[in-house]
Amino acid sequence: MGESILVVAMGVGAGLVAALLLGGFLETLLFEVAPHDPTSVIVAGAAAAAIALLSSFVTARSAARIDPLVALRD
């Protein structure tokens, strides 16, 4: 799970940097929202991180339930 947190943090960080750098290009597609609106950027980053961490938790939990010998035989 710790590795998943690291990967998610790196991905969200890279995404936030890209959003801040490239936000001006998408300004024509945004309606009543500034391209560098802090609230929107934080909410989007938090939502992406929460979904990624939840999906990695569900996968890790189901993998932990499987007997390693049974998994290796299949």
PDB file of N, CA and C in Angstrom:
ATOM      1  N   MET A   1       0.828  -1.195   0.000  1.00  0.00           N
ATOM      2  CA  MET A   1       0.000   0.000   0.000  1.00  0.00           C
ATOM      3  C   MET A   1       0.867   1.253   0.000  1.00  0.00           C
ATOM      4  N   GLY A   2       2.023   1.177   0.661  1.00  0.00           N
ATOM      5  CA  GLY A   2       2.914   2.332   0.699  1.00  0.00           C
ATOM      6  C   GLY A   2       3.417   2.719  -0.684  1.00  0.00           C
ATOM      7  N   GLU A   3       3.663   1.709  -1.515  1.00  0.00           N
ATOM      8  CA  GLU A   3       4.112   1.978  -2.879  1.00  0.00           C
ATOM      9  C   GLU A   3       3.001   2.665  -3.675  1.00  0.00           C
ATOM     10  N   SER A   4       1.768   2.273  -3.439  1.00  0.00           N
ATOM     11  CA  SER A   4       0.634   2.904  -4.123  1.00  0.00           C
ATOM     12  C   SER A   4       0.518   4.370  -3.749  1.00  0.00           C
ATOM     13  N   ILE A   5       0.737   4.680  -2.481  1.00  0.00           N
ATOM     14  CA  ILE A   5       0.661   6.070  -2.033  1.00  0.00           C
ATOM     15  C   ILE A   5       1.727   6.908  -2.729  1.00  0.00           C
ATOM     16  N   LEU A   6       2.925   6.345  -2.857  1.00  0.00           N
ATOM     17  CA  LEU A   6       4.008   7.063  -3.530  1.00  0.00           C
ATOM     18  C   LEU A   6       3.675   7.313  -4.998  1.00  0.00           C
ATOM     19  N   VAL A   7       3.160   6.297  -5.677  1.00  0.00           N
ATOM     20  CA  VAL A   7       2.813   6.442  -7.094  1.00  0.00           C
ATOM     21  C   VAL A   7       1.683   7.457  -7.273  1.00  0.00           C
ATOM     22  N   VAL A   8       0.686   7.406  -6.416  1.00  0.00           N
ATOM     23  CA  VAL A   8      -0.432   8.356  -6.494  1.00  0.00           C
ATOM     24  C   VAL A   8       0.061   9.777  -6.234  1.00  0.00           C
ATOM     25  N   ALA A   9       0.916   9.945  -5.239  1.00  0.00           N
ATOM     26  CA  ALA A   9       1.437  11.281  -4.939  1.00  0.00           C
ATOM     27  C   ALA A   9       2.239  11.840  -6.106  1.00  0.00           C
ATOM     28  N   MET A  10       3.048  11.004  -6.723  1.00  0.00           N
ATOM     29  CA  MET A  10       3.824  11.459  -7.876  1.00  0.00           C
ATOM     30  C   MET A  10       2.905  11.811  -9.048  1.00  0.00           C
ATOM     31  N   GLY A  11       1.889  11.008  -9.278  1.00  0.00           N
ATOM     32  CA  GLY A  11       0.953  11.269 -10.362  1.00  0.00           C
ATOM     33  C   GLY A  11       0.138  12.525 -10.151  1.00  0.00           C
ATOM     34  N   VAL A  12      -0.352  12.715  -8.942  1.00  0.00           N
ATOM     35  CA  VAL A  12      -1.135  13.915  -8.644  1.00  0.00           C
ATOM     36  C   VAL A  12      -0.241  15.153  -8.726  1.00  0.00           C
ATOM     37  N   GLY A  13       0.980  15.035  -8.238  1.00  0.00           N
ATOM     38  CA  GLY A  13       1.911  16.161  -8.324  1.00  0.00           C
ATOM     39  C   GLY A  13       2.216  16.537  -9.761  1.00  0.00           C
ATOM     40  N   ALA A  14       2.497  15.534 -10.592  1.00  0.00           N
ATOM     41  CA  ALA A  14       2.765  15.799 -12.014  1.00  0.00           C
ATOM     42  C   ALA A  14       1.530  16.381 -12.698  1.00  0.00           C
ATOM     43  N   GLY A  15       0.361  15.874 -12.344  1.00  0.00           N
ATOM     44  CA  GLY A  15      -0.875  16.387 -12.930  1.00  0.00           C
ATOM     45  C   GLY A  15      -1.156  17.824 -12.530  1.00  0.00           C
ATOM     46  N   LEU A  16      -0.882  18.166 -11.278  1.00  0.00           N
ATOM     47  CA  LEU A  16      -1.107  19.542 -10.837  1.00  0.00           C
ATOM     48  C   LEU A  16      -0.140  20.505 -11.513  1.00  0.00           C
ATOM     49  N   VAL A  17       1.115  20.085 -11.654  1.00  0.00           N
ATOM     50  CA  VAL A  17       2.086  20.933 -12.355  1.00  0.00           C
ATOM     51  C   VAL A  17       1.659  21.126 -13.814  1.00  0.00           C
ATOM     52  N   ALA A  18       1.263  20.041 -14.468  1.00  0.00           N
ATOM     53  CA  ALA A  18       0.824  20.132 -15.864  1.00  0.00           C
ATOM     54  C   ALA A  18      -0.426  21.010 -15.985  1.00  0.00           C
ATOM     55  N   ALA A  19      -1.339  20.887 -15.039  1.00  0.00           N
ATOM     56  CA  ALA A  19      -2.558  21.699 -15.088  1.00  0.00           C
ATOM     57  C   ALA A  19      -2.240  23.179 -14.929  1.00  0.00           C
ATOM     58  N   LEU A  20      -1.312  23.484 -14.057  1.00  0.00           N
ATOM     59  CA  LEU A  20      -0.959  24.895 -13.865  1.00  0.00           C
ATOM     60  C   LEU A  20      -0.199  25.456 -15.067  1.00  0.00           C
ATOM     61  N   LEU A  21       0.651  24.633 -15.675  1.00  0.00           N
ATOM     62  CA  LEU A  21       1.411  25.099 -16.830  1.00  0.00           C
ATOM     63  C   LEU A  21       0.562  25.197 -18.095  1.00  0.00           C
ATOM     64  N   LEU A  22      -0.344  24.255 -18.275  1.00  0.00           N
ATOM     65  CA  LEU A  22      -1.114  24.185 -19.518  1.00  0.00           C
ATOM     66  C   LEU A  22      -2.545  24.710 -19.380  1.00  0.00           C
ATOM     67  N   GLY A  23      -2.892  25.234 -18.224  1.00  0.00           N
ATOM     68  CA  GLY A  23      -4.257  25.706 -17.988  1.00  0.00           C
ATOM     69  C   GLY A  23      -4.685  26.819 -18.915  1.00  0.00           C
ATOM     70  N   GLY A  24      -3.766  27.656 -19.321  1.00  0.00           N
ATOM     71  CA  GLY A  24      -4.108  28.765 -20.210  1.00  0.00           C
ATOM     72  C   GLY A  24      -4.571  28.313 -21.579  1.00  0.00           C
ATOM     73  N   PHE A  25      -4.078  27.164 -22.039  1.00  0.00           N
ATOM     74  CA  PHE A  25      -4.489  26.651 -23.347  1.00  0.00           C
ATOM     75  C   PHE A  25      -5.950  26.210 -23.360  1.00  0.00           C
ATOM     76  N   LEU A  26      -6.448  25.803 -22.213  1.00  0.00           N
ATOM     77  CA  LEU A  26      -7.828  25.313 -22.129  1.00  0.00           C
ATOM     78  C   LEU A  26      -8.809  26.376 -21.656  1.00  0.00           C
ATOM     79  N   GLU A  27      -8.362  27.606 -21.579  1.00  0.00           N
ATOM     80  CA  GLU A  27      -9.206  28.674 -21.040  1.00  0.00           C
ATOM     81  C   GLU A  27     -10.503  28.856 -21.815  1.00  0.00           C
ATOM     82  N   THR A  28     -10.493  28.596 -23.110  1.00  0.00           N
ATOM     83  CA  THR A  28     -11.713  28.754 -23.904  1.00  0.00           C
ATOM     84  C   THR A  28     -12.745  27.679 -23.597  1.00  0.00           C
ATOM     85  N   LEU A  29     -12.313  26.567 -23.015  1.00  0.00           N
ATOM     86  CA  LEU A  29     -13.242  25.481 -22.694  1.00  0.00           C
ATOM     87  C   LEU A  29     -13.832  25.591 -21.292  1.00  0.00           C
ATOM     88  N   LEU A  30     -13.283  26.471 -20.478  1.00  0.00           N
ATOM     89  CA  LEU A  30     -13.741  26.625 -19.095  1.00  0.00           C
ATOM     90  C   LEU A  30     -14.804  27.709 -19.020  1.00  0.00           C
ATOM     91  N   PHE A  31     -15.921  27.398 -18.408  1.00  0.00           N
ATOM     92  CA  PHE A  31     -17.022  28.342 -18.284  1.00  0.00           C
ATOM     93  C   PHE A  31     -17.125  28.818 -16.845  1.00  0.00           C
ATOM     94  N   GLU A  32     -16.941  30.098 -16.635  1.00  0.00           N
ATOM     95  CA  GLU A  32     -17.038  30.749 -15.328  1.00  0.00           C
ATOM     96  C   GLU A  32     -16.054  30.193 -14.308  1.00  0.00           C
ATOM     97  N   VAL A  33     -14.932  29.644 -14.776  1.00  0.00           N
ATOM     98  CA  VAL A  33     -13.880  29.147 -13.893  1.00  0.00           C
ATOM     99  C   VAL A  33     -12.555  29.615 -14.465  1.00  0.00           C
ATOM    100  N   ALA A  34     -11.725  30.197 -13.631  1.00  0.00           N
ATOM    101  CA  ALA A  34     -10.403  30.624 -14.083  1.00  0.00           C
ATOM    102  C   ALA A  34      -9.511  29.392 -14.258  1.00  0.00           C
ATOM    103  N   PRO A  35      -8.572  29.411 -15.192  1.00  0.00           N
ATOM    104  CA  PRO A  35      -7.739  28.236 -15.417  1.00  0.00           C
ATOM    105  C   PRO A  35      -6.830  27.893 -14.238  1.00  0.00           C
ATOM    106  N   HIS A  36      -6.556  28.852 -13.388  1.00  0.00           N
ATOM    107  CA  HIS A  36      -5.701  28.595 -12.233  1.00  0.00           C
ATOM    108  C   HIS A  36      -6.450  28.801 -10.923  1.00  0.00           C
ATOM    109  N   ASP A  37      -7.729  28.482 -10.921  1.00  0.00           N
ATOM    110  CA  ASP A  37      -8.571  28.607  -9.727  1.00  0.00           C
ATOM    111  C   ASP A  37      -8.105  27.603  -8.677  1.00  0.00           C
ATOM    112  N   PRO A  38      -7.623  28.060  -7.522  1.00  0.00           N
ATOM    113  CA  PRO A  38      -7.067  27.134  -6.523  1.00  0.00           C
ATOM    114  C   PRO A  38      -8.074  26.101  -6.022  1.00  0.00           C
ATOM    115  N   THR A  39      -9.313  26.506  -5.850  1.00  0.00           N
ATOM    116  CA  THR A  39     -10.311  25.562  -5.348  1.00  0.00           C
ATOM    117  C   THR A  39     -10.530  24.422  -6.336  1.00  0.00           C
ATOM    118  N   SER A  40     -10.655  24.739  -7.593  1.00  0.00           N
ATOM    119  CA  SER A  40     -10.872  23.701  -8.605  1.00  0.00           C
ATOM    120  C   SER A  40      -9.682  22.770  -8.723  1.00  0.00           C
ATOM    121  N   VAL A  41      -8.478  23.328  -8.674  1.00  0.00           N
ATOM    122  CA  VAL A  41      -7.271  22.509  -8.794  1.00  0.00           C
ATOM    123  C   VAL A  41      -7.128  21.578  -7.592  1.00  0.00           C
ATOM    124  N   ILE A  42      -7.395  22.087  -6.401  1.00  0.00           N
ATOM    125  CA  ILE A  42      -7.274  21.260  -5.187  1.00  0.00           C
ATOM    126  C   ILE A  42      -8.340  20.178  -5.162  1.00  0.00           C
ATOM    127  N   VAL A  43      -9.573  20.517  -5.504  1.00  0.00           N
ATOM    128  CA  VAL A  43     -10.653  19.521  -5.505  1.00  0.00           C
ATOM    129  C   VAL A  43     -10.391  18.432  -6.540  1.00  0.00           C
ATOM    130  N   ALA A  44      -9.937  18.817  -7.721  1.00  0.00           N
ATOM    131  CA  ALA A  44      -9.651  17.825  -8.762  1.00  0.00           C
ATOM    132  C   ALA A  44      -8.505  16.912  -8.347  1.00  0.00           C
ATOM    133  N   GLY A  45      -7.463  17.475  -7.765  1.00  0.00           N
ATOM    134  CA  GLY A  45      -6.338  16.657  -7.301  1.00  0.00           C
ATOM    135  C   GLY A  45      -6.729  15.715  -6.167  1.00  0.00           C
ATOM    136  N   ALA A  46      -7.516  16.219  -5.238  1.00  0.00           N
ATOM    137  CA  ALA A  46      -7.968  15.386  -4.119  1.00  0.00           C
ATOM    138  C   ALA A  46      -8.890  14.265  -4.590  1.00  0.00           C
ATOM    139  N   ALA A  47      -9.763  14.574  -5.536  1.00  0.00           N
ATOM    140  CA  ALA A  47     -10.668  13.543  -6.059  1.00  0.00           C
ATOM    141  C   ALA A  47      -9.888  12.467  -6.800  1.00  0.00           C
ATOM    142  N   ALA A  48      -8.918  12.863  -7.612  1.00  0.00           N
ATOM    143  CA  ALA A  48      -8.106  11.887  -8.339  1.00  0.00           C
ATOM    144  C   ALA A  48      -7.315  11.025  -7.372  1.00  0.00           C
ATOM    145  N   ALA A  49      -6.751  11.632  -6.338  1.00  0.00           N
ATOM    146  CA  ALA A  49      -5.980  10.879  -5.345  1.00  0.00           C
ATOM    147  C   ALA A  49      -6.875   9.915  -4.576  1.00  0.00           C
ATOM    148  N   ALA A  50      -8.059  10.353  -4.186  1.00  0.00           N
ATOM    149  CA  ALA A  50      -8.970   9.490  -3.435  1.00  0.00           C
ATOM    150  C   ALA A  50      -9.407   8.287  -4.259  1.00  0.00           C
ATOM    151  N   ILE A  51      -9.722   8.494  -5.518  1.00  0.00           N
ATOM    152  CA  ILE A  51     -10.145   7.390  -6.379  1.00  0.00           C
ATOM    153  C   ILE A  51      -9.000   6.412  -6.595  1.00  0.00           C
ATOM    154  N   ALA A  52      -7.798   6.925  -6.832  1.00  0.00           N
ATOM    155  CA  ALA A  52      -6.645   6.052  -7.054  1.00  0.00           C
ATOM    156  C   ALA A  52      -6.299   5.258  -5.795  1.00  0.00           C
ATOM    157  N   LEU A  53      -6.332   5.895  -4.630  1.00  0.00           N
ATOM    158  CA  LEU A  53      -6.023   5.184  -3.388  1.00  0.00           C
ATOM    159  C   LEU A  53      -7.100   4.156  -3.042  1.00  0.00           C
ATOM    160  N   LEU A  54      -8.351   4.481  -3.297  1.00  0.00           N
ATOM    161  CA  LEU A  54      -9.421   3.526  -3.044  1.00  0.00           C
ATOM    162  C   LEU A  54      -9.289   2.299  -3.944  1.00  0.00           C
ATOM    163  N   SER A  55      -8.989   2.528  -5.204  1.00  0.00           N
ATOM    164  CA  SER A  55      -8.850   1.390  -6.117  1.00  0.00           C
ATOM    165  C   SER A  55      -7.632   0.537  -5.763  1.00  0.00           C
ATOM    166  N   SER A  56      -6.545   1.153  -5.325  1.00  0.00           N
ATOM    167  CA  SER A  56      -5.379   0.361  -4.934  1.00  0.00           C
ATOM    168  C   SER A  56      -5.642  -0.388  -3.634  1.00  0.00           C
ATOM    169  N   PHE A  57      -6.416   0.190  -2.724  1.00  0.00           N
ATOM    170  CA  PHE A  57      -6.760  -0.497  -1.483  1.00  0.00           C
ATOM    171  C   PHE A  57      -7.628  -1.720  -1.751  1.00  0.00           C
ATOM    172  N   VAL A  58      -8.620  -1.562  -2.609  1.00  0.00           N
ATOM    173  CA  VAL A  58      -9.503  -2.692  -2.933  1.00  0.00           C
ATOM    174  C   VAL A  58      -8.711  -3.820  -3.589  1.00  0.00           C
ATOM    175  N   THR A  59      -7.814  -3.481  -4.497  1.00  0.00           N
ATOM    176  CA  THR A  59      -6.999  -4.487  -5.165  1.00  0.00           C
ATOM    177  C   THR A  59      -6.055  -5.169  -4.184  1.00  0.00           C
ATOM    178  N   ALA A  60      -5.412  -4.405  -3.313  1.00  0.00           N
ATOM    179  CA  ALA A  60      -4.489  -4.978  -2.332  1.00  0.00           C
ATOM    180  C   ALA A  60      -5.225  -5.869  -1.335  1.00  0.00           C
ATOM    181  N   ARG A  61      -6.416  -5.453  -0.955  1.00  0.00           N
ATOM    182  CA  ARG A  61      -7.188  -6.260  -0.008  1.00  0.00           C
ATOM    183  C   ARG A  61      -7.599  -7.595  -0.614  1.00  0.00           C
ATOM    184  N   SER A  62      -8.017  -7.577  -1.872  1.00  0.00           N
ATOM    185  CA  SER A  62      -8.409  -8.840  -2.506  1.00  0.00           C
ATOM    186  C   SER A  62      -7.191  -9.719  -2.767  1.00  0.00           C
ATOM    187  N   ALA A  63      -6.042  -9.126  -3.059  1.00  0.00           N
ATOM    188  CA  ALA A  63      -4.826  -9.912  -3.268  1.00  0.00           C
ATOM    189  C   ALA A  63      -4.337 -10.513  -1.965  1.00  0.00           C
ATOM    190  N   ALA A  64      -4.556  -9.839  -0.853  1.00  0.00           N
ATOM    191  CA  ALA A  64      -4.110 -10.353   0.444  1.00  0.00           C
ATOM    192  C   ALA A  64      -4.940 -11.544   0.903  1.00  0.00           C
ATOM    193  N   ARG A  65      -6.131 -11.685   0.399  1.00  0.00           N
ATOM    194  CA  ARG A  65      -7.004 -12.793   0.793  1.00  0.00           C
ATOM    195  C   ARG A  65      -6.660 -14.102   0.095  1.00  0.00           C
ATOM    196  N   ILE A  66      -5.925 -14.027  -1.002  1.00  0.00           N
ATOM    197  CA  ILE A  66      -5.616 -15.225  -1.780  1.00  0.00           C
ATOM    198  C   ILE A  66      -4.421 -15.948  -1.170  1.00  0.00           C
ATOM    199  N   ASP A  67      -4.524 -17.260  -1.068  1.00  0.00           N
ATOM    200  CA  ASP A  67      -3.407 -18.068  -0.583  1.00  0.00           C
ATOM    201  C   ASP A  67      -2.293 -18.034  -1.630  1.00  0.00           C
ATOM    202  N   PRO A  68      -1.064 -17.713  -1.246  1.00  0.00           N
ATOM    203  CA  PRO A  68       0.024 -17.617  -2.232  1.00  0.00           C
ATOM    204  C   PRO A  68       0.269 -18.906  -3.007  1.00  0.00           C
ATOM    205  N   LEU A  69       0.135 -20.048  -2.373  1.00  0.00           N
ATOM    206  CA  LEU A  69       0.348 -21.319  -3.074  1.00  0.00           C
ATOM    207  C   LEU A  69      -0.711 -21.560  -4.144  1.00  0.00           C
ATOM    208  N   VAL A  70      -1.935 -21.194  -3.859  1.00  0.00           N
ATOM    209  CA  VAL A  70      -3.005 -21.346  -4.842  1.00  0.00           C
ATOM    210  C   VAL A  70      -2.778 -20.390  -6.011  1.00  0.00           C
ATOM    211  N   ALA A  71      -2.335 -19.180  -5.717  1.00  0.00           N
ATOM    212  CA  ALA A  71      -2.097 -18.206  -6.781  1.00  0.00           C
ATOM    213  C   ALA A  71      -0.946 -18.652  -7.680  1.00  0.00           C
ATOM    214  N   LEU A  72       0.078 -19.272  -7.101  1.00  0.00           N
ATOM    215  CA  LEU A  72       1.218 -19.723  -7.894  1.00  0.00           C
ATOM    216  C   LEU A  72       0.875 -20.940  -8.757  1.00  0.00           C
ATOM    217  N   ARG A  73      -0.050 -21.763  -8.303  1.00  0.00           N
ATOM    218  CA  ARG A  73      -0.436 -22.958  -9.074  1.00  0.00           C
ATOM    219  C   ARG A  73      -1.249 -22.585 -10.304  1.00  0.00           C
ATOM    220  N   ASP A  74      -2.011 -21.530 -10.234  1.00  0.00           N
ATOM    221  CA  ASP A  74      -2.891 -21.144 -11.353  1.00  0.00           C
ATOM    222  C   ASP A  74      -2.160 -20.464 -12.421  1.00  0.00           C
TER     223      ASP A  74
END
